[in-house]
Amino acid sequence: MESKKKVPTNTITRDIKTLAAPTGNIYETVVILSKRANQIAIAEKKELMKKLEDFRNDRDTMDEVFENKEQIEISKYYERQPKPDLVAIAEFEAGELVYRKAQ
């Protein structure tokens, strides 16, 4: 996935007026951010599942499951990534999102 550029990994307080300024309506901004966050989350999930597919074994049972250090590292990497909503907000604030109103 693309590298996350200076996106905070924890929540921060934001000025609602600043977020609403590009659209003129905070509710439209929230919808835009929500849809973008969902897109990011789906893309990250697909990427993670693709990487973890290599570790899947058809004969895994509860007794046969073993810890795989590589698999754990991949999972930890994705856990440390900024949350999709924070990435969406950062993209919106940087003017990187393209959106249009449905007519």
C-alpha atoms as a PDB file:
ATOM      1  CA  MET A   1       0.000   0.000   0.000  1.00  0.00           C
ATOM      2  CA  GLU A   2       1.053   3.577  -0.459  1.00  0.00           C
ATOM      3  CA  SER A   3       3.157   4.979   2.326  1.00  0.00           C
ATOM      4  CA  LYS A   4       1.306   6.963   4.930  1.00  0.00           C
ATOM      5  CA  LYS A   5       2.801  10.433   5.016  1.00  0.00           C
ATOM      6  CA  LYS A   6       2.788  12.047   8.438  1.00  0.00           C
ATOM      7  CA  VAL A   7      -0.608  10.695   9.463  1.00  0.00           C
ATOM      8  CA  PRO A   8      -1.025  10.594  13.232  1.00  0.00           C
ATOM      9  CA  THR A   9      -1.667   7.146  14.679  1.00  0.00           C
ATOM     10  CA  ASN A  10      -3.925   8.509  17.394  1.00  0.00           C
ATOM     11  CA  THR A  11      -6.872  10.867  17.396  1.00  0.00           C
ATOM     12  CA  ILE A  12      -6.379  14.592  17.641  1.00  0.00           C
ATOM     13  CA  THR A  13      -8.815  17.439  18.139  1.00  0.00           C
ATOM     14  CA  ARG A  14      -9.799  19.150  14.909  1.00  0.00           C
ATOM     15  CA  ASP A  15     -11.604  22.386  14.199  1.00  0.00           C
ATOM     16  CA  ILE A  16     -15.014  21.588  12.702  1.00  0.00           C
ATOM     17  CA  LYS A  17     -15.120  24.888  10.816  1.00  0.00           C
ATOM     18  CA  THR A  18     -11.844  24.062   9.088  1.00  0.00           C
ATOM     19  CA  LEU A  19     -13.086  20.614   8.078  1.00  0.00           C
ATOM     20  CA  ALA A  20     -16.415  21.984   6.833  1.00  0.00           C
ATOM     21  CA  ALA A  21     -14.869  24.854   4.848  1.00  0.00           C
ATOM     22  CA  PRO A  22     -14.210  22.990   1.549  1.00  0.00           C
ATOM     23  CA  THR A  23     -17.776  21.645   1.296  1.00  0.00           C
ATOM     24  CA  GLY A  24     -19.616  24.330   3.219  1.00  0.00           C
ATOM     25  CA  ASN A  25     -21.371  21.682   5.294  1.00  0.00           C
ATOM     26  CA  ILE A  26     -19.924  19.510   8.059  1.00  0.00           C
ATOM     27  CA  TYR A  27     -22.328  16.679   7.247  1.00  0.00           C
ATOM     28  CA  GLU A  28     -21.176  16.508   3.637  1.00  0.00           C
ATOM     29  CA  THR A  29     -17.601  16.464   4.865  1.00  0.00           C
ATOM     30  CA  VAL A  30     -18.379  13.585   7.224  1.00  0.00           C
ATOM     31  CA  VAL A  31     -19.969  11.590   4.399  1.00  0.00           C
ATOM     32  CA  ILE A  32     -16.962  12.191   2.149  1.00  0.00           C
ATOM     33  CA  LEU A  33     -14.539  11.166   4.903  1.00  0.00           C
ATOM     34  CA  SER A  34     -16.600   8.106   5.758  1.00  0.00           C
ATOM     35  CA  LYS A  35     -16.691   6.876   2.188  1.00  0.00           C
ATOM     36  CA  ARG A  36     -12.954   7.419   1.740  1.00  0.00           C
ATOM     37  CA  ALA A  37     -12.179   5.670   5.037  1.00  0.00           C
ATOM     38  CA  ASN A  38     -14.234   2.673   3.878  1.00  0.00           C
ATOM     39  CA  GLN A  39     -12.290   2.576   0.598  1.00  0.00           C
ATOM     40  CA  ILE A  40      -8.986   2.629   2.484  1.00  0.00           C
ATOM     41  CA  ALA A  41     -10.119  -0.059   4.945  1.00  0.00           C
ATOM     42  CA  ILE A  42     -11.261  -2.372   2.145  1.00  0.00           C
ATOM     43  CA  ALA A  43      -7.979  -1.906   0.266  1.00  0.00           C
ATOM     44  CA  GLU A  44      -5.920  -2.603   3.404  1.00  0.00           C
ATOM     45  CA  LYS A  45      -7.976  -5.695   4.205  1.00  0.00           C
ATOM     46  CA  LYS A  46      -7.517  -7.078   0.686  1.00  0.00           C
ATOM     47  CA  GLU A  47      -3.783  -6.434   0.886  1.00  0.00           C
ATOM     48  CA  LEU A  48      -3.511  -8.102   4.303  1.00  0.00           C
ATOM     49  CA  MET A  49      -5.544 -11.133   3.229  1.00  0.00           C
ATOM     50  CA  LYS A  50      -3.385 -11.514   0.124  1.00  0.00           C
ATOM     51  CA  LYS A  51      -0.226 -11.524   2.246  1.00  0.00           C
ATOM     52  CA  LEU A  52      -1.681 -13.926   4.827  1.00  0.00           C
ATOM     53  CA  GLU A  53      -2.956 -16.297   2.128  1.00  0.00           C
ATOM     54  CA  ASP A  54       0.566 -17.733   1.880  1.00  0.00           C
ATOM     55  CA  PHE A  55       0.302 -18.968   5.456  1.00  0.00           C
ATOM     56  CA  ARG A  56      -3.092 -20.621   5.093  1.00  0.00           C
ATOM     57  CA  ASN A  57      -3.111 -24.381   5.341  1.00  0.00           C
ATOM     58  CA  ASP A  58      -6.125 -26.470   4.302  1.00  0.00           C
ATOM     59  CA  ARG A  59      -5.554 -28.952   7.112  1.00  0.00           C
ATOM     60  CA  ASP A  60      -5.371 -26.460   9.984  1.00  0.00           C
ATOM     61  CA  THR A  61      -7.274 -27.532  13.049  1.00  0.00           C
ATOM     62  CA  MET A  62      -7.218 -26.059  16.494  1.00  0.00           C
ATOM     63  CA  ASP A  63      -4.632 -28.643  17.559  1.00  0.00           C
ATOM     64  CA  GLU A  64      -2.377 -28.107  14.549  1.00  0.00           C
ATOM     65  CA  VAL A  65      -2.242 -24.313  14.573  1.00  0.00           C
ATOM     66  CA  PHE A  66       1.271 -23.054  15.235  1.00  0.00           C
ATOM     67  CA  GLU A  67       2.728 -19.607  15.591  1.00  0.00           C
ATOM     68  CA  ASN A  68       4.479 -18.279  12.563  1.00  0.00           C
ATOM     69  CA  LYS A  69       6.780 -15.340  13.314  1.00  0.00           C
ATOM     70  CA  GLU A  70       6.517 -13.943   9.792  1.00  0.00           C
ATOM     71  CA  GLN A  71       2.724 -13.980   9.950  1.00  0.00           C
ATOM     72  CA  ILE A  72       2.775 -12.267  13.342  1.00  0.00           C
ATOM     73  CA  GLU A  73       5.103  -9.546  12.021  1.00  0.00           C
ATOM     74  CA  ILE A  74       2.803  -8.880   9.065  1.00  0.00           C
ATOM     75  CA  SER A  75      -0.184  -8.588  11.398  1.00  0.00           C
ATOM     76  CA  LYS A  76       1.690  -6.270  13.760  1.00  0.00           C
ATOM     77  CA  TYR A  77       2.727  -4.071  10.841  1.00  0.00           C
ATOM     78  CA  TYR A  78      -0.896  -3.526   9.862  1.00  0.00           C
ATOM     79  CA  GLU A  79      -1.921  -2.915  13.473  1.00  0.00           C
ATOM     80  CA  ARG A  80       0.657  -0.094  13.708  1.00  0.00           C
ATOM     81  CA  GLN A  81      -0.644   1.628  10.567  1.00  0.00           C
ATOM     82  CA  PRO A  82      -2.809   4.739  10.989  1.00  0.00           C
ATOM     83  CA  LYS A  83      -6.512   4.018  11.065  1.00  0.00           C
ATOM     84  CA  PRO A  84      -8.373   4.540   7.768  1.00  0.00           C
ATOM     85  CA  ASP A  85     -10.402   7.460   9.117  1.00  0.00           C
ATOM     86  CA  LEU A  86      -7.229   9.310  10.120  1.00  0.00           C
ATOM     87  CA  VAL A  87      -5.747   8.730   6.662  1.00  0.00           C
ATOM     88  CA  ALA A  88      -8.961   9.995   5.045  1.00  0.00           C
ATOM     89  CA  ILE A  89      -8.922  13.155   7.166  1.00  0.00           C
ATOM     90  CA  ALA A  90      -5.259  13.790   6.328  1.00  0.00           C
ATOM     91  CA  GLU A  91      -5.970  13.374   2.608  1.00  0.00           C
ATOM     92  CA  PHE A  92      -8.977  15.701   2.851  1.00  0.00           C
ATOM     93  CA  GLU A  93      -7.014  18.375   4.705  1.00  0.00           C
ATOM     94  CA  ALA A  94      -4.203  18.153   2.143  1.00  0.00           C
ATOM     95  CA  GLY A  95      -6.670  18.587  -0.718  1.00  0.00           C
ATOM     96  CA  GLU A  96      -5.899  15.159  -2.162  1.00  0.00           C
ATOM     97  CA  LEU A  97      -9.517  13.937  -2.288  1.00  0.00           C
ATOM     98  CA  VAL A  98     -11.636  14.465  -5.356  1.00  0.00           C
ATOM     99  CA  TYR A  99     -15.376  14.473  -4.733  1.00  0.00           C
ATOM    100  CA  ARG A 100     -18.492  15.698  -6.446  1.00  0.00           C
ATOM    101  CA  LYS A 101     -22.130  16.133  -5.504  1.00  0.00           C
ATOM    102  CA  ALA A 102     -24.658  13.758  -6.999  1.00  0.00           C
ATOM    103  CA  GLN A 103     -27.210  15.618  -9.098  1.00  0.00           C
END
